Amino acid sequence: MKRSRNVLIVLFISALFISLPAGVLAESDETGFRGIGWGEDLSARQDMRRISCEKGFCSYVRDREELSMADAIITSVVYRAFNGRFVEAEIEAPVETRQGQSPGFESENFVSLKNICHELYGKTSFAVTLESVRAEQYRWEYTDIRKILRVNINKNTMQLTITDHALLEQLKEAPAGMQETLKDEQRDQEAGGENAKEPSPAPADMAADSTGTSSTEKEKKSTSKGFKKAAKVLRWLFVNDDAESGDEPPEVPR
């Protein structure tokens, strides 16, 4: 009897997950958003089109985007990359979708989006209602993937922002040499992406000559050929660390 009951429970749970819309399961993946992993290079995707770049962020829209989340109707999804890496998704939706109907806190689309957010992300870590300006805000900040739902009844707008907060902070705190490389890559993307540079073998500020003198600003702007020679020297130093080695080091790039 007990075994039969357990089997029924398992079957019920399986049926519950099967009956959920496919979008619900996809949206709830903490490793990414709609099949795109956090940190992915959006410029390399054929289904992405860049629409703007500003202060380290580039925004993209996706071809044939699904404009719904469960029962909620959405108007747009914008994918944002910081220094070339996917860190944030912004979903826009109307509070009220019926023409001529005044938006309010009981509007069907608002209730649908709020409910699916609670189903996907659980209990809010913060929620506030500002009745004087007819606005609400909900936050889910239990994990590194932060979600914020902002609702403005007067403007008939809702915005759900999903951000890989940990990755964004990591990119912002990257070493200076790495930041310069990422900024160069972004400038190439802003210019059209046709002349995008490959990552250098090592950050420019870590290159050194045979006397141990640190690299100058001119060396930081050296060609990729010079970097390859510098990398060859470093490999020789690590492999031939025996003081009695008679091998000659390769030519140091000038």
Protein backbone atom coordinates (compact mmCIF):
# COMPACT_ATOMS: atom_id res chain seq x y z
CA MET A 1 0.00 0.00 0.00
CA LYS A 2 2.76 2.39 0.98
CA ARG A 3 4.73 1.53 -2.15
CA SER A 4 1.72 2.20 -4.37
CA ARG A 5 1.26 5.57 -2.71
CA ASN A 6 4.89 6.52 -3.39
CA VAL A 7 4.52 5.52 -7.03
CA LEU A 8 1.45 7.73 -7.35
CA ILE A 9 3.31 10.68 -5.83
CA VAL A 10 6.19 10.27 -8.28
CA LEU A 11 3.79 10.03 -11.23
CA PHE A 12 1.94 13.14 -10.04
CA ILE A 13 5.14 15.18 -9.77
CA SER A 14 6.32 14.00 -13.20
CA ALA A 15 2.99 14.92 -14.75
CA LEU A 16 3.16 18.34 -13.11
CA PHE A 17 6.51 19.15 -14.70
CA ILE A 18 5.44 17.78 -18.08
CA SER A 19 2.34 19.97 -18.02
CA LEU A 20 4.33 23.15 -17.39
CA PRO A 21 4.89 25.34 -20.47
CA ALA A 22 8.31 24.86 -22.06
CA GLY A 23 9.11 28.52 -21.54
CA VAL A 24 8.68 28.19 -17.78
CA LEU A 25 11.37 25.54 -17.48
CA ALA A 26 13.70 27.45 -19.79
CA GLU A 27 13.29 30.76 -17.99
CA SER A 28 14.08 29.22 -14.60
CA ASP A 29 17.60 28.04 -15.56
CA GLU A 30 20.07 29.90 -13.32
CA THR A 31 22.96 29.13 -15.69
CA GLY A 32 21.56 31.41 -18.37
CA PHE A 33 18.49 32.93 -19.96
CA ARG A 34 16.48 31.30 -22.73
CA GLY A 35 19.30 28.94 -23.66
CA ILE A 36 22.06 31.57 -23.67
CA GLY A 37 24.64 31.07 -20.93
CA TRP A 38 25.81 33.89 -18.72
CA GLY A 39 29.19 35.15 -19.93
CA GLU A 40 28.58 34.11 -23.55
CA ASP A 41 29.87 36.32 -26.34
CA LEU A 42 26.67 37.69 -27.86
CA SER A 43 28.46 39.21 -30.87
CA ALA A 44 29.40 35.71 -32.02
CA ARG A 45 25.77 34.57 -32.25
CA GLN A 46 24.11 34.65 -35.67
CA ASP A 47 20.66 35.25 -34.15
CA MET A 48 21.70 38.42 -32.30
CA ARG A 49 21.60 42.00 -33.62
CA ARG A 50 23.38 44.79 -31.74
CA ILE A 51 21.26 47.92 -31.24
CA SER A 52 23.43 50.13 -29.02
CA CYS A 53 26.65 50.43 -27.00
CA GLU A 54 27.34 52.76 -24.07
CA LYS A 55 29.79 52.81 -21.13
CA GLY A 56 30.95 49.22 -21.48
CA PHE A 57 27.47 47.81 -22.19
CA CYS A 58 26.23 46.64 -25.58
CA SER A 59 22.56 45.78 -26.11
CA TYR A 60 21.26 43.10 -28.49
CA VAL A 61 17.90 41.84 -29.69
CA ARG A 62 17.29 38.28 -30.85
CA ASP A 63 15.68 37.12 -34.06
CA ARG A 64 12.28 35.46 -33.70
CA GLU A 65 12.07 36.22 -29.98
CA GLU A 66 9.28 34.54 -28.00
CA LEU A 67 7.13 37.46 -26.80
CA SER A 68 5.52 35.73 -23.85
CA MET A 69 6.32 34.33 -20.43
CA ALA A 70 3.77 31.65 -19.62
CA ASP A 71 0.43 33.53 -19.83
CA ALA A 72 1.99 37.01 -19.74
CA ILE A 73 2.43 39.00 -22.95
CA ILE A 74 5.74 40.85 -23.31
CA THR A 75 6.76 43.48 -25.86
CA SER A 76 10.54 43.08 -26.00
CA VAL A 77 13.60 41.27 -24.63
CA VAL A 78 16.98 43.02 -24.66
CA TYR A 79 20.18 41.09 -24.01
CA ARG A 80 22.98 43.17 -22.49
CA ALA A 81 26.69 42.39 -22.55
CA PHE A 82 29.35 44.10 -20.46
CA ASN A 83 32.80 44.16 -22.06
CA GLY A 84 31.58 41.59 -24.52
CA ARG A 85 30.06 39.11 -22.04
CA PHE A 86 26.32 38.43 -21.54
CA VAL A 87 25.36 39.62 -18.04
CA GLU A 88 21.76 40.87 -18.16
CA ALA A 89 18.34 40.41 -19.76
CA GLU A 90 15.66 43.12 -19.73
CA ILE A 91 12.04 42.13 -20.41
CA GLU A 92 9.45 44.84 -21.14
CA ALA A 93 5.70 44.27 -20.89
CA PRO A 94 2.49 46.30 -20.63
CA VAL A 95 0.47 46.25 -17.41
CA GLU A 96 -2.80 46.17 -19.36
CA THR A 97 -3.05 44.66 -22.83
CA ARG A 98 -6.70 45.33 -23.61
CA GLN A 99 -7.20 48.48 -25.67
CA GLY A 100 -9.29 51.11 -23.92
CA GLN A 101 -8.94 49.41 -20.54
CA SER A 102 -7.30 51.50 -17.80
CA PRO A 103 -4.32 49.70 -16.24
CA GLY A 104 -4.44 48.80 -12.58
CA PHE A 105 -3.09 46.39 -9.99
CA GLU A 106 -5.76 43.86 -11.00
CA SER A 107 -4.84 43.94 -14.69
CA GLU A 108 -4.59 40.46 -16.15
CA ASN A 109 -1.12 40.85 -17.70
CA PHE A 110 0.34 42.30 -14.51
CA VAL A 111 -1.07 39.47 -12.41
CA SER A 112 0.17 36.88 -14.93
CA LEU A 113 3.75 38.21 -15.01
CA LYS A 114 3.89 38.62 -11.24
CA ASN A 115 2.61 35.08 -10.73
CA ILE A 116 5.10 33.49 -13.14
CA CYS A 117 7.94 35.36 -11.44
CA HIS A 118 6.87 33.98 -8.07
CA GLU A 119 6.62 30.48 -9.54
CA LEU A 120 10.10 30.70 -11.07
CA TYR A 121 11.98 32.62 -8.38
CA GLY A 122 10.05 31.90 -5.18
CA LYS A 123 9.36 34.31 -2.36
CA THR A 124 10.60 37.86 -2.84
CA SER A 125 13.52 39.18 -0.82
CA PHE A 126 12.03 42.69 -1.06
CA ALA A 127 8.67 44.09 -2.18
CA VAL A 128 7.14 47.54 -1.95
CA THR A 129 3.96 49.24 -3.17
CA LEU A 130 3.87 52.99 -3.72
CA GLU A 131 0.18 53.75 -4.00
CA SER A 132 0.74 57.49 -4.35
CA VAL A 133 2.49 57.00 -7.71
CA ARG A 134 0.81 53.67 -8.51
CA ALA A 135 4.03 51.70 -8.66
CA GLU A 136 5.38 48.44 -7.29
CA GLN A 137 8.77 46.76 -7.10
CA TYR A 138 9.72 43.16 -6.36
CA ARG A 139 13.22 41.75 -5.84
CA TRP A 140 14.68 38.23 -5.74
CA GLU A 141 18.28 38.45 -4.52
CA TYR A 142 18.93 35.08 -2.90
CA THR A 143 21.43 33.96 -5.55
CA ASP A 144 24.05 35.55 -7.80
CA ILE A 145 21.33 35.86 -10.46
CA ARG A 146 19.38 38.92 -9.28
CA LYS A 147 15.83 39.58 -10.53
CA ILE A 148 13.95 42.87 -10.21
CA LEU A 149 10.38 43.48 -11.41
CA ARG A 150 9.42 47.16 -11.65
CA VAL A 151 5.79 48.11 -12.30
CA ASN A 152 4.49 51.58 -13.21
CA ILE A 153 0.71 51.59 -13.49
CA ASN A 154 0.46 55.21 -14.69
CA LYS A 155 2.81 54.54 -17.60
CA ASN A 156 1.35 51.07 -18.26
CA THR A 157 4.82 49.53 -18.21
CA MET A 158 6.58 46.64 -16.48
CA GLN A 159 10.27 45.82 -16.61
CA LEU A 160 11.80 42.55 -15.43
CA THR A 161 15.60 42.70 -15.16
CA ILE A 162 17.61 39.50 -14.69
CA THR A 163 21.30 40.11 -13.94
CA ASP A 164 24.26 37.84 -13.28
CA HIS A 165 25.42 40.13 -10.49
CA ALA A 166 28.52 38.12 -9.57
CA LEU A 167 29.78 37.97 -13.16
CA LEU A 168 29.15 41.67 -13.72
CA GLU A 169 31.14 42.59 -10.60
CA GLN A 170 33.93 40.23 -11.64
CA LEU A 171 34.18 41.87 -15.06
CA LYS A 172 34.18 45.35 -13.54
CA GLU A 173 37.01 44.38 -11.18
CA ALA A 174 39.14 42.70 -13.86
CA PRO A 175 42.86 43.68 -13.89
CA ALA A 176 43.74 46.85 -15.77
CA GLY A 177 45.42 44.93 -18.60
CA MET A 178 42.40 42.72 -19.05
CA GLN A 179 40.07 45.74 -18.94
CA GLU A 180 42.03 47.36 -21.79
CA THR A 181 41.78 44.16 -23.85
CA LEU A 182 38.04 43.95 -23.25
CA LYS A 183 37.58 47.63 -24.12
CA ASP A 184 39.53 47.12 -27.36
CA GLU A 185 37.25 44.21 -28.23
CA GLN A 186 34.19 46.33 -27.53
CA ARG A 187 35.48 49.20 -29.69
CA ASP A 188 35.92 46.72 -32.53
CA GLN A 189 32.32 45.56 -32.00
CA GLU A 190 31.06 49.16 -32.04
CA ALA A 191 32.96 49.75 -35.29
CA GLY A 192 31.24 46.80 -36.89
CA GLY A 193 33.11 43.80 -35.59
CA GLU A 194 34.89 43.13 -38.91
CA ASN A 195 38.35 43.84 -37.49
CA ALA A 196 37.87 42.23 -34.08
CA LYS A 197 41.21 41.35 -32.53
CA GLU A 198 42.08 38.01 -31.03
CA PRO A 199 42.99 38.03 -27.31
CA SER A 200 46.67 38.69 -26.71
CA PRO A 201 48.77 35.77 -25.37
CA ALA A 202 49.38 37.75 -22.16
CA PRO A 203 48.41 41.18 -20.76
CA ALA A 204 50.76 43.85 -22.11
CA ASP A 205 51.71 45.17 -18.69
CA MET A 206 53.19 41.77 -17.75
CA ALA A 207 55.74 41.68 -20.61
CA ALA A 208 59.39 42.25 -19.60
CA ASP A 209 62.78 42.39 -21.27
CA SER A 210 65.80 40.18 -20.39
CA THR A 211 66.95 42.61 -17.65
CA GLY A 212 63.61 42.50 -15.86
CA THR A 213 62.57 46.03 -16.86
CA SER A 214 58.77 46.37 -16.99
CA SER A 215 57.16 47.13 -20.34
CA THR A 216 56.54 50.73 -21.43
CA GLU A 217 53.39 52.19 -22.87
CA LYS A 218 54.88 51.64 -26.32
CA GLU A 219 55.29 47.92 -25.59
CA LYS A 220 51.64 47.73 -24.51
CA LYS A 221 50.69 48.76 -28.03
CA SER A 222 53.08 46.30 -29.74
CA THR A 223 51.81 43.95 -32.40
CA SER A 224 50.58 40.43 -31.80
CA LYS A 225 53.83 39.20 -33.38
CA GLY A 226 55.81 40.88 -30.59
CA PHE A 227 53.57 39.27 -27.95
CA LYS A 228 54.19 35.83 -29.42
CA LYS A 229 57.94 36.39 -29.19
CA ALA A 230 57.59 37.54 -25.58
CA ALA A 231 55.57 34.44 -24.76
CA LYS A 232 58.30 32.30 -26.36
CA VAL A 233 60.92 33.92 -24.11
CA LEU A 234 58.83 33.28 -21.00
CA ARG A 235 58.37 29.63 -21.93
CA TRP A 236 62.14 29.27 -22.45
CA LEU A 237 62.83 30.78 -19.00
CA PHE A 238 60.45 28.36 -17.28
CA VAL A 239 61.73 25.29 -19.14
CA ASN A 240 65.45 26.18 -18.90
CA ASP A 241 65.58 27.29 -15.28
CA ASP A 242 68.85 25.36 -14.75
CA ALA A 243 71.67 27.94 -14.34
CA GLU A 244 74.11 25.63 -16.15
CA SER A 245 71.98 25.26 -19.25
CA GLY A 246 73.94 26.15 -22.34
CA ASP A 247 70.95 26.86 -24.54
CA GLU A 248 70.64 30.36 -25.87
CA PRO A 249 67.37 32.18 -25.23
CA PRO A 250 65.30 33.17 -28.25
CA GLU A 251 65.48 36.73 -29.49
CA VAL A 252 63.71 39.19 -27.18
CA PRO A 253 61.22 41.44 -29.00
CA ARG A 254 62.13 45.13 -29.06
